[in-house]
């Protein structure tokens, strides 16, 4: 499952994410967020080297508890999970190499 441009619908729950086996990249953001839009080509470029890595894009905002459970404060926030444990995160990535470094942790 390579880069996905669409937000997950329905949104997974925290328990579901915690039970995922292996590495997975979670992306929190909003469709109207300029920082999120700017990061999309960077994500696509970095994820091209990881075609088997699941990428789950989650819409965040007021009243959405999933982002709060991960302590997300700015968008986009990328969180690398492995077997439900956070390996690392990146907030507002500025270069695909920064995203690639995060992905390499998985």
PDB file of N, CA and C in Angstrom:
ATOM      1  N   UNK A   1       0.848  -1.170   0.000  1.00  0.00           N
ATOM      2  CA  UNK A   1       0.000   0.000   0.000  1.00  0.00           C
ATOM      3  C   UNK A   1       0.898   1.238   0.000  1.00  0.00           C
ATOM      4  N   UNK A   2       1.144   1.834  -1.129  1.00  0.00           N
ATOM      5  CA  UNK A   2       2.007   3.018  -1.199  1.00  0.00           C
ATOM      6  C   UNK A   2       1.281   4.273  -0.737  1.00  0.00           C
ATOM      7  N   UNK A   3       1.861   5.415  -1.039  1.00  0.00           N
ATOM      8  CA  UNK A   3       1.263   6.712  -0.712  1.00  0.00           C
ATOM      9  C   UNK A   3      -0.219   6.725  -1.071  1.00  0.00           C
ATOM     10  N   UNK A   4      -1.018   7.234  -0.168  1.00  0.00           N
ATOM     11  CA  UNK A   4      -2.445   7.381  -0.433  1.00  0.00           C
ATOM     12  C   UNK A   4      -2.826   8.851  -0.308  1.00  0.00           C
ATOM     13  N   UNK A   5      -3.463   9.423  -1.322  1.00  0.00           N
ATOM     14  CA  UNK A   5      -3.832  10.833  -1.266  1.00  0.00           C
ATOM     15  C   UNK A   5      -5.126  11.092  -0.496  1.00  0.00           C
ATOM     16  N   UNK A   6      -5.865  10.040  -0.185  1.00  0.00           N
ATOM     17  CA  UNK A   6      -7.187  10.206   0.423  1.00  0.00           C
ATOM     18  C   UNK A   6      -7.172   9.922   1.920  1.00  0.00           C
ATOM     19  N   UNK A   7      -8.016  10.657   2.628  1.00  0.00           N
ATOM     20  CA  UNK A   7      -8.180  10.426   4.057  1.00  0.00           C
ATOM     21  C   UNK A   7      -8.966   9.140   4.277  1.00  0.00           C
ATOM     22  N   UNK A   8      -8.614   8.408   5.331  1.00  0.00           N
ATOM     23  CA  UNK A   8      -9.279   7.151   5.662  1.00  0.00           C
ATOM     24  C   UNK A   8     -10.756   7.413   5.960  1.00  0.00           C
ATOM     25  N   UNK A   9     -11.600   6.590   5.379  1.00  0.00           N
ATOM     26  CA  UNK A   9     -13.041   6.693   5.610  1.00  0.00           C
ATOM     27  C   UNK A   9     -13.598   5.274   5.612  1.00  0.00           C
ATOM     28  N   UNK A  10     -13.977   4.751   6.740  1.00  0.00           N
ATOM     29  CA  UNK A  10     -14.034   5.421   8.032  1.00  0.00           C
ATOM     30  C   UNK A  10     -12.654   5.497   8.686  1.00  0.00           C
ATOM     31  N   UNK A  11     -12.558   6.437   9.591  1.00  0.00           N
ATOM     32  CA  UNK A  11     -11.317   6.638  10.341  1.00  0.00           C
ATOM     33  C   UNK A  11     -11.115   5.471  11.303  1.00  0.00           C
ATOM     34  N   UNK A  12      -9.905   4.907  11.355  1.00  0.00           N
ATOM     35  CA  UNK A  12      -9.673   3.820  12.318  1.00  0.00           C
ATOM     36  C   UNK A  12      -9.680   4.352  13.750  1.00  0.00           C
ATOM     37  N   UNK A  13      -9.925   3.489  14.697  1.00  0.00           N
ATOM     38  CA  UNK A  13      -9.862   3.860  16.096  1.00  0.00           C
ATOM     39  C   UNK A  13      -8.462   3.642  16.645  1.00  0.00           C
ATOM     40  N   UNK A  14      -8.194   4.194  17.804  1.00  0.00           N
ATOM     41  CA  UNK A  14      -6.875   4.054  18.417  1.00  0.00           C
ATOM     42  C   UNK A  14      -6.557   2.588  18.684  1.00  0.00           C
ATOM     43  N   UNK A  15      -7.525   1.837  19.185  1.00  0.00           N
ATOM     44  CA  UNK A  15      -7.281   0.423  19.479  1.00  0.00           C
ATOM     45  C   UNK A  15      -6.915  -0.334  18.200  1.00  0.00           C
ATOM     46  N   UNK A  16      -7.563   0.008  17.099  1.00  0.00           N
ATOM     47  CA  UNK A  16      -7.273  -0.640  15.818  1.00  0.00           C
ATOM     48  C   UNK A  16      -5.836  -0.345  15.371  1.00  0.00           C
ATOM     49  N   UNK A  17      -5.400   0.906  15.531  1.00  0.00           N
ATOM     50  CA  UNK A  17      -4.029   1.275  15.160  1.00  0.00           C
ATOM     51  C   UNK A  17      -3.011   0.594  16.068  1.00  0.00           C
ATOM     52  N   UNK A  18      -3.327   0.509  17.345  1.00  0.00           N
ATOM     53  CA  UNK A  18      -2.415  -0.122  18.297  1.00  0.00           C
ATOM     54  C   UNK A  18      -2.224  -1.609  18.015  1.00  0.00           C
ATOM     55  N   UNK A  19      -3.187  -2.235  17.347  1.00  0.00           N
ATOM     56  CA  UNK A  19      -3.114  -3.669  17.065  1.00  0.00           C
ATOM     57  C   UNK A  19      -2.481  -3.994  15.710  1.00  0.00           C
ATOM     58  N   UNK A  20      -2.169  -2.976  14.905  1.00  0.00           N
ATOM     59  CA  UNK A  20      -1.569  -3.233  13.597  1.00  0.00           C
ATOM     60  C   UNK A  20      -0.196  -3.874  13.749  1.00  0.00           C
ATOM     61  N   UNK A  21       0.030  -4.927  12.994  1.00  0.00           N
ATOM     62  CA  UNK A  21       1.325  -5.624  13.034  1.00  0.00           C
ATOM     63  C   UNK A  21       2.289  -4.989  12.043  1.00  0.00           C
ATOM     64  N   UNK A  22       3.540  -4.895  12.449  1.00  0.00           N
ATOM     65  CA  UNK A  22       4.567  -4.346  11.575  1.00  0.00           C
ATOM     66  C   UNK A  22       4.551  -2.833  11.528  1.00  0.00           C
ATOM     67  N   UNK A  23       5.360  -2.274  10.636  1.00  0.00           N
ATOM     68  CA  UNK A  23       5.450  -0.816  10.542  1.00  0.00           C
ATOM     69  C   UNK A  23       4.280  -0.220   9.755  1.00  0.00           C
ATOM     70  N   UNK A  24       3.904   0.988  10.118  1.00  0.00           N
ATOM     71  CA  UNK A  24       2.845   1.731   9.425  1.00  0.00           C
ATOM     72  C   UNK A  24       3.101   3.224   9.635  1.00  0.00           C
ATOM     73  N   UNK A  25       2.846   4.011   8.600  1.00  0.00           N
ATOM     74  CA  UNK A  25       2.971   5.465   8.700  1.00  0.00           C
ATOM     75  C   UNK A  25       1.586   6.061   8.844  1.00  0.00           C
ATOM     76  N   UNK A  26       1.390   6.814   9.923  1.00  0.00           N
ATOM     77  CA  UNK A  26       0.131   7.510  10.161  1.00  0.00           C
ATOM     78  C   UNK A  26       0.375   8.987   9.863  1.00  0.00           C
ATOM     79  N   UNK A  27      -0.510   9.587   9.079  1.00  0.00           N
ATOM     80  CA  UNK A  27      -0.415  11.014   8.746  1.00  0.00           C
ATOM     81  C   UNK A  27      -1.669  11.716   9.248  1.00  0.00           C
ATOM     82  N   UNK A  28      -1.491  12.682  10.133  1.00  0.00           N
ATOM     83  CA  UNK A  28      -2.602  13.501  10.610  1.00  0.00           C
ATOM     84  C   UNK A  28      -2.558  14.844   9.902  1.00  0.00           C
ATOM     85  N   UNK A  29      -3.710  15.306   9.434  1.00  0.00           N
ATOM     86  CA  UNK A  29      -3.772  16.590   8.756  1.00  0.00           C
ATOM     87  C   UNK A  29      -5.209  16.971   8.455  1.00  0.00           C
ATOM     88  N   UNK A  30      -5.364  17.958   7.594  1.00  0.00           N
ATOM     89  CA  UNK A  30      -6.685  18.430   7.181  1.00  0.00           C
ATOM     90  C   UNK A  30      -6.623  18.781   5.696  1.00  0.00           C
ATOM     91  N   UNK A  31      -7.708  18.549   4.957  1.00  0.00           N
ATOM     92  CA  UNK A  31      -7.671  18.782   3.516  1.00  0.00           C
ATOM     93  C   UNK A  31      -7.466  20.246   3.123  1.00  0.00           C
ATOM     94  N   UNK A  32      -7.838  21.164   3.988  1.00  0.00           N
ATOM     95  CA  UNK A  32      -7.706  22.593   3.688  1.00  0.00           C
ATOM     96  C   UNK A  32      -6.380  23.176   4.176  1.00  0.00           C
ATOM     97  N   UNK A  33      -5.562  22.389   4.868  1.00  0.00           N
ATOM     98  CA  UNK A  33      -4.312  22.854   5.483  1.00  0.00           C
ATOM     99  C   UNK A  33      -3.223  23.031   4.418  1.00  0.00           C
ATOM    100  N   UNK A  34      -2.704  24.236   4.284  1.00  0.00           N
ATOM    101  CA  UNK A  34      -1.652  24.518   3.313  1.00  0.00           C
ATOM    102  C   UNK A  34      -0.375  23.732   3.570  1.00  0.00           C
ATOM    103  N   UNK A  35      -0.004  23.574   4.838  1.00  0.00           N
ATOM    104  CA  UNK A  35       1.191  22.788   5.173  1.00  0.00           C
ATOM    105  C   UNK A  35       1.005  21.335   4.737  1.00  0.00           C
ATOM    106  N   UNK A  36      -0.211  20.818   4.927  1.00  0.00           N
ATOM    107  CA  UNK A  36      -0.508  19.436   4.539  1.00  0.00           C
ATOM    108  C   UNK A  36      -0.437  19.277   3.022  1.00  0.00           C
ATOM    109  N   UNK A  37      -0.993  20.222   2.317  1.00  0.00           N
ATOM    110  CA  UNK A  37      -0.969  20.173   0.854  1.00  0.00           C
ATOM    111  C   UNK A  37       0.461  20.234   0.330  1.00  0.00           C
ATOM    112  N   UNK A  38       1.298  21.080   0.936  1.00  0.00           N
ATOM    113  CA  UNK A  38       2.699  21.205   0.510  1.00  0.00           C
ATOM    114  C   UNK A  38       3.496  19.933   0.771  1.00  0.00           C
ATOM    115  N   UNK A  39       3.104  19.180   1.775  1.00  0.00           N
ATOM    116  CA  UNK A  39       3.834  17.962   2.136  1.00  0.00           C
ATOM    117  C   UNK A  39       3.494  16.774   1.243  1.00  0.00           C
ATOM    118  N   UNK A  40       2.398  16.831   0.504  1.00  0.00           N
ATOM    119  CA  UNK A  40       1.963  15.659  -0.260  1.00  0.00           C
ATOM    120  C   UNK A  40       2.982  15.190  -1.299  1.00  0.00           C
ATOM    121  N   UNK A  41       3.573  16.069  -2.116  1.00  0.00           N
ATOM    122  CA  UNK A  41       4.586  15.571  -3.061  1.00  0.00           C
ATOM    123  C   UNK A  41       5.817  14.993  -2.356  1.00  0.00           C
ATOM    124  N   UNK A  42       6.166  15.552  -1.208  1.00  0.00           N
ATOM    125  CA  UNK A  42       7.300  15.042  -0.439  1.00  0.00           C
ATOM    126  C   UNK A  42       7.006  13.631   0.074  1.00  0.00           C
ATOM    127  N   UNK A  43       5.779  13.441   0.560  1.00  0.00           N
ATOM    128  CA  UNK A  43       5.361  12.126   1.043  1.00  0.00           C
ATOM    129  C   UNK A  43       5.360  11.106  -0.094  1.00  0.00           C
ATOM    130  N   UNK A  44       4.803  11.491  -1.220  1.00  0.00           N
ATOM    131  CA  UNK A  44       4.745  10.580  -2.357  1.00  0.00           C
ATOM    132  C   UNK A  44       6.153  10.167  -2.782  1.00  0.00           C
ATOM    133  N   UNK A  45       7.071  11.122  -2.806  1.00  0.00           N
ATOM    134  CA  UNK A  45       8.446  10.825  -3.193  1.00  0.00           C
ATOM    135  C   UNK A  45       9.117   9.871  -2.211  1.00  0.00           C
ATOM    136  N   UNK A  46       8.983  10.158  -0.915  1.00  0.00           N
ATOM    137  CA  UNK A  46       9.630   9.329   0.107  1.00  0.00           C
ATOM    138  C   UNK A  46       9.013   7.932   0.167  1.00  0.00           C
ATOM    139  N   UNK A  47       7.688   7.850   0.057  1.00  0.00           N
ATOM    140  CA  UNK A  47       7.016   6.556   0.151  1.00  0.00           C
ATOM    141  C   UNK A  47       7.229   5.687  -1.089  1.00  0.00           C
ATOM    142  N   UNK A  48       7.676   6.275  -2.192  1.00  0.00           N
ATOM    143  CA  UNK A  48       7.937   5.485  -3.398  1.00  0.00           C
ATOM    144  C   UNK A  48       8.996   4.409  -3.140  1.00  0.00           C
ATOM    145  N   UNK A  49       9.895   4.657  -2.207  1.00  0.00           N
ATOM    146  CA  UNK A  49      10.936   3.686  -1.862  1.00  0.00           C
ATOM    147  C   UNK A  49      10.436   2.617  -0.895  1.00  0.00           C
ATOM    148  N   UNK A  50       9.202   2.761  -0.411  1.00  0.00           N
ATOM    149  CA  UNK A  50       8.630   1.824   0.561  1.00  0.00           C
ATOM    150  C   UNK A  50       7.241   1.378   0.087  1.00  0.00           C
ATOM    151  N   UNK A  51       7.148   0.692  -1.040  1.00  0.00           N
ATOM    152  CA  UNK A  51       5.834   0.366  -1.598  1.00  0.00           C
ATOM    153  C   UNK A  51       4.985  -0.568  -0.731  1.00  0.00           C
ATOM    154  N   UNK A  52       5.589  -1.307   0.168  1.00  0.00           N
ATOM    155  CA  UNK A  52       4.831  -2.229   1.022  1.00  0.00           C
ATOM    156  C   UNK A  52       4.428  -1.601   2.357  1.00  0.00           C
ATOM    157  N   UNK A  53       4.901  -0.394   2.630  1.00  0.00           N
ATOM    158  CA  UNK A  53       4.601   0.255   3.909  1.00  0.00           C
ATOM    159  C   UNK A  53       3.195   0.850   3.890  1.00  0.00           C
ATOM    160  N   UNK A  54       2.330   0.433   4.803  1.00  0.00           N
ATOM    161  CA  UNK A  54       1.001   1.037   4.866  1.00  0.00           C
ATOM    162  C   UNK A  54       1.095   2.517   5.257  1.00  0.00           C
ATOM    163  N   UNK A  55       0.304   3.343   4.586  1.00  0.00           N
ATOM    164  CA  UNK A  55       0.213   4.785   4.849  1.00  0.00           C
ATOM    165  C   UNK A  55      -1.244   5.083   5.116  1.00  0.00           C
ATOM    166  N   UNK A  56      -1.539   5.509   6.332  1.00  0.00           N
ATOM    167  CA  UNK A  56      -2.915   5.817   6.715  1.00  0.00           C
ATOM    168  C   UNK A  56      -3.013   7.309   6.967  1.00  0.00           C
ATOM    169  N   UNK A  57      -3.846   7.966   6.187  1.00  0.00           N
ATOM    170  CA  UNK A  57      -4.025   9.414   6.254  1.00  0.00           C
ATOM    171  C   UNK A  57      -5.307   9.690   7.029  1.00  0.00           C
ATOM    172  N   UNK A  58      -5.183  10.433   8.138  1.00  0.00           N
ATOM    173  CA  UNK A  58      -6.313  10.661   9.028  1.00  0.00           C
ATOM    174  C   UNK A  58      -6.606  12.153   9.136  1.00  0.00           C
ATOM    175  N   UNK A  59      -7.853  12.511   8.859  1.00  0.00           N
ATOM    176  CA  UNK A  59      -8.267  13.909   8.991  1.00  0.00           C
ATOM    177  C   UNK A  59      -8.381  14.243  10.478  1.00  0.00           C
ATOM    178  N   UNK A  60      -7.772  15.347  10.854  1.00  0.00           N
ATOM    179  CA  UNK A  60      -7.748  15.759  12.258  1.00  0.00           C
ATOM    180  C   UNK A  60      -8.433  17.115  12.383  1.00  0.00           C
ATOM    181  N   UNK A  61      -8.816  17.449  13.586  1.00  0.00           N
ATOM    182  CA  UNK A  61      -9.438  18.735  13.847  1.00  0.00           C
ATOM    183  C   UNK A  61     -10.180  18.708  15.175  1.00  0.00           C
ATOM    184  N   UNK A  62     -10.839  19.815  15.501  1.00  0.00           N
ATOM    185  CA  UNK A  62     -11.592  19.891  16.761  1.00  0.00           C
ATOM    186  C   UNK A  62     -12.627  18.765  16.860  1.00  0.00           C
ATOM    187  N   UNK A  63     -12.712  18.181  18.028  1.00  0.00           N
ATOM    188  CA  UNK A  63     -13.688  17.129  18.269  1.00  0.00           C
ATOM    189  C   UNK A  63     -13.274  15.765  17.733  1.00  0.00           C
ATOM    190  N   UNK A  64     -12.045  15.649  17.274  1.00  0.00           N
ATOM    191  CA  UNK A  64     -11.551  14.363  16.756  1.00  0.00           C
ATOM    192  C   UNK A  64     -10.545  13.798  17.762  1.00  0.00           C
ATOM    193  N   UNK A  65     -10.965  12.801  18.540  1.00  0.00           N
ATOM    194  CA  UNK A  65     -10.132  12.309  19.639  1.00  0.00           C
ATOM    195  C   UNK A  65      -8.888  11.529  19.215  1.00  0.00           C
ATOM    196  N   UNK A  66      -8.858  10.980  18.011  1.00  0.00           N
ATOM    197  CA  UNK A  66      -7.713  10.165  17.628  1.00  0.00           C
ATOM    198  C   UNK A  66      -6.423  10.981  17.602  1.00  0.00           C
ATOM    199  N   UNK A  67      -6.474  12.167  17.017  1.00  0.00           N
ATOM    200  CA  UNK A  67      -5.293  13.036  17.004  1.00  0.00           C
ATOM    201  C   UNK A  67      -4.850  13.419  18.405  1.00  0.00           C
ATOM    202  N   UNK A  68      -5.802  13.671  19.286  1.00  0.00           N
ATOM    203  CA  UNK A  68      -5.451  14.027  20.670  1.00  0.00           C
ATOM    204  C   UNK A  68      -4.796  12.855  21.369  1.00  0.00           C
ATOM    205  N   UNK A  69      -5.234  11.630  21.059  1.00  0.00           N
ATOM    206  CA  UNK A  69      -4.645  10.461  21.726  1.00  0.00           C
ATOM    207  C   UNK A  69      -3.177  10.292  21.345  1.00  0.00           C
ATOM    208  N   UNK A  70      -2.775  10.861  20.180  1.00  0.00           N
ATOM    209  CA  UNK A  70      -1.379  10.844  19.759  1.00  0.00           C
ATOM    210  C   UNK A  70      -0.676  12.174  20.059  1.00  0.00           C
ATOM    211  N   UNK A  71      -1.337  13.075  20.772  1.00  0.00           N
ATOM    212  CA  UNK A  71      -0.798  14.390  21.143  1.00  0.00           C
ATOM    213  C   UNK A  71      -0.416  15.234  19.912  1.00  0.00           C
ATOM    214  N   UNK A  72      -1.225  15.152  18.859  1.00  0.00           N
ATOM    215  CA  UNK A  72      -0.995  15.931  17.647  1.00  0.00           C
ATOM    216  C   UNK A  72      -1.422  17.368  17.901  1.00  0.00           C
ATOM    217  N   UNK A  73      -0.531  18.315  17.589  1.00  0.00           N
ATOM    218  CA  UNK A  73      -0.825  19.735  17.799  1.00  0.00           C
ATOM    219  C   UNK A  73      -0.720  20.542  16.511  1.00  0.00           C
ATOM    220  N   UNK A  74       0.137  20.110  15.578  1.00  0.00           N
ATOM    221  CA  UNK A  74       0.316  20.808  14.305  1.00  0.00           C
ATOM    222  C   UNK A  74       0.162  19.815  13.166  1.00  0.00           C
ATOM    223  N   UNK A  75      -0.198  20.326  12.006  1.00  0.00           N
ATOM    224  CA  UNK A  75      -0.374  19.482  10.817  1.00  0.00           C
ATOM    225  C   UNK A  75       0.623  19.868   9.748  1.00  0.00           C
ATOM    226  N   UNK A  76       1.001  18.945   8.926  1.00  0.00           N
ATOM    227  CA  UNK A  76       0.809  17.525   9.131  1.00  0.00           C
ATOM    228  C   UNK A  76       1.773  16.980  10.178  1.00  0.00           C
ATOM    229  N   UNK A  77       1.303  15.983  10.880  1.00  0.00           N
ATOM    230  CA  UNK A  77       2.157  15.232  11.790  1.00  0.00           C
ATOM    231  C   UNK A  77       2.217  13.803  11.274  1.00  0.00           C
ATOM    232  N   UNK A  78       3.429  13.319  11.046  1.00  0.00           N
ATOM    233  CA  UNK A  78       3.655  11.953  10.590  1.00  0.00           C
ATOM    234  C   UNK A  78       4.170  11.138  11.763  1.00  0.00           C
ATOM    235  N   UNK A  79       3.545  10.001  11.997  1.00  0.00           N
ATOM    236  CA  UNK A  79       3.944   9.134  13.109  1.00  0.00           C
ATOM    237  C   UNK A  79       4.234   7.748  12.553  1.00  0.00           C
ATOM    238  N   UNK A  80       5.429   7.271  12.834  1.00  0.00           N
ATOM    239  CA  UNK A  80       5.829   5.926  12.423  1.00  0.00           C
ATOM    240  C   UNK A  80       5.549   4.979  13.578  1.00  0.00           C
ATOM    241  N   UNK A  81       4.690   4.009  13.341  1.00  0.00           N
ATOM    242  CA  UNK A  81       4.363   2.997  14.345  1.00  0.00           C
ATOM    243  C   UNK A  81       4.915   1.653  13.906  1.00  0.00           C
ATOM    244  N   UNK A  82       5.246   0.839  14.873  1.00  0.00           N
ATOM    245  CA  UNK A  82       5.592  -0.556  14.606  1.00  0.00           C
ATOM    246  C   UNK A  82       4.989  -1.394  15.717  1.00  0.00           C
ATOM    247  N   UNK A  83       4.100  -2.282  15.327  1.00  0.00           N
ATOM    248  CA  UNK A  83       3.393  -3.136  16.283  1.00  0.00           C
ATOM    249  C   UNK A  83       2.732  -2.303  17.382  1.00  0.00           C
ATOM    250  N   UNK A  84       2.163  -1.154  16.981  1.00  0.00           N
ATOM    251  CA  UNK A  84       1.426  -0.304  17.908  1.00  0.00           C
ATOM    252  C   UNK A  84       2.260   0.646  18.735  1.00  0.00           C
ATOM    253  N   UNK A  85       3.573   0.589  18.633  1.00  0.00           N
ATOM    254  CA  UNK A  85       4.456   1.473  19.396  1.00  0.00           C
ATOM    255  C   UNK A  85       5.023   2.560  18.486  1.00  0.00           C
ATOM    256  N   UNK A  86       5.075   3.776  18.993  1.00  0.00           N
ATOM    257  CA  UNK A  86       5.621   4.878  18.215  1.00  0.00           C
ATOM    258  C   UNK A  86       7.137   4.785  18.142  1.00  0.00           C
ATOM    259  N   UNK A  87       7.654   4.788  16.917  1.00  0.00           N
ATOM    260  CA  UNK A  87       9.097   4.775  16.703  1.00  0.00           C
ATOM    261  C   UNK A  87       9.650   6.183  16.511  1.00  0.00           C
ATOM    262  N   UNK A  88       8.820   7.067  15.976  1.00  0.00           N
ATOM    263  CA  UNK A  88       9.257   8.428  15.719  1.00  0.00           C
ATOM    264  C   UNK A  88       8.146   9.238  15.091  1.00  0.00           C
ATOM    265  N   UNK A  89       8.372  10.554  15.035  1.00  0.00           N
ATOM    266  CA  UNK A  89       7.388  11.443  14.423  1.00  0.00           C
ATOM    267  C   UNK A  89       8.085  12.612  13.770  1.00  0.00           C
ATOM    268  N   UNK A  90       7.378  13.218  12.857  1.00  0.00           N
ATOM    269  CA  UNK A  90       7.879  14.362  12.119  1.00  0.00           C
ATOM    270  C   UNK A  90       6.721  15.329  11.943  1.00  0.00           C
ATOM    271  N   UNK A  91       6.951  16.580  12.321  1.00  0.00           N
ATOM    272  CA  UNK A  91       5.913  17.602  12.221  1.00  0.00           C
ATOM    273  C   UNK A  91       6.311  18.595  11.139  1.00  0.00           C
ATOM    274  N   UNK A  92       5.384  18.847  10.226  1.00  0.00           N
ATOM    275  CA  UNK A  92       5.577  19.779   9.119  1.00  0.00           C
ATOM    276  C   UNK A  92       6.887  19.533   8.366  1.00  0.00           C
ATOM    277  N   UNK A  93       6.999  18.381   7.731  1.00  0.00           N
ATOM    278  CA  UNK A  93       8.237  18.057   7.012  1.00  0.00           C
ATOM    279  C   UNK A  93       8.506  19.054   5.896  1.00  0.00           C
ATOM    280  N   UNK A  94       9.788  19.390   5.726  1.00  0.00           N
ATOM    281  CA  UNK A  94      10.186  20.368   4.712  1.00  0.00           C
ATOM    282  C   UNK A  94      10.930  19.720   3.547  1.00  0.00           C
ATOM    283  N   UNK A  95      11.327  18.453   3.692  1.00  0.00           N
ATOM    284  CA  UNK A  95      12.077  17.787   2.634  1.00  0.00           C
ATOM    285  C   UNK A  95      11.762  16.291   2.648  1.00  0.00           C
ATOM    286  N   UNK A  96      11.778  15.676   1.468  1.00  0.00           N
ATOM    287  CA  UNK A  96      11.487  14.241   1.392  1.00  0.00           C
ATOM    288  C   UNK A  96      12.547  13.429   2.129  1.00  0.00           C
ATOM    289  N   UNK A  97      13.782  13.941   2.227  1.00  0.00           N
ATOM    290  CA  UNK A  97      14.832  13.201   2.943  1.00  0.00           C
ATOM    291  C   UNK A  97      14.501  13.097   4.443  1.00  0.00           C
ATOM    292  N   UNK A  98      13.815  14.116   4.985  1.00  0.00           N
ATOM    293  CA  UNK A  98      13.400  14.053   6.390  1.00  0.00           C
ATOM    294  C   UNK A  98      12.355  12.952   6.589  1.00  0.00           C
ATOM    295  N   UNK A  99      11.443  12.855   5.630  1.00  0.00           N
ATOM    296  CA  UNK A  99      10.421  11.797   5.695  1.00  0.00           C
ATOM    297  C   UNK A  99      11.085  10.441   5.513  1.00  0.00           C
ATOM    298  N   UNK A 100      12.035  10.348   4.583  1.00  0.00           N
ATOM    299  CA  UNK A 100      12.743   9.081   4.354  1.00  0.00           C
ATOM    300  C   UNK A 100      13.474   8.623   5.610  1.00  0.00           C
ATOM    301  N   UNK A 101      14.042   9.555   6.353  1.00  0.00           N
ATOM    302  CA  UNK A 101      14.732   9.203   7.605  1.00  0.00           C
ATOM    303  C   UNK A 101      13.740   8.635   8.617  1.00  0.00           C
ATOM    304  N   UNK A 102      12.546   9.195   8.673  1.00  0.00           N
ATOM    305  CA  UNK A 102      11.507   8.671   9.565  1.00  0.00           C
ATOM    306  C   UNK A 102      11.099   7.270   9.124  1.00  0.00           C
ATOM    307  N   UNK A 103      10.894   7.086   7.829  1.00  0.00           N
ATOM    308  CA  UNK A 103      10.463   5.786   7.301  1.00  0.00           C
ATOM    309  C   UNK A 103      11.518   4.712   7.555  1.00  0.00           C
ATOM    310  N   UNK A 104      12.769   5.077   7.520  1.00  0.00           N
ATOM    311  CA  UNK A 104      13.856   4.120   7.732  1.00  0.00           C
ATOM    312  C   UNK A 104      13.841   3.549   9.146  1.00  0.00           C
ATOM    313  N   UNK A 105      13.162   4.193  10.071  1.00  0.00           N
ATOM    314  CA  UNK A 105      13.084   3.693  11.444  1.00  0.00           C
ATOM    315  C   UNK A 105      12.221   2.452  11.554  1.00  0.00           C
ATOM    316  N   UNK A 106      11.373   2.245  10.548  1.00  0.00           N
ATOM    317  CA  UNK A 106      10.457   1.106  10.580  1.00  0.00           C
ATOM    318  C   UNK A 106      11.104  -0.137  10.115  1.00  0.00           C
TER     319      UNK A 106
END
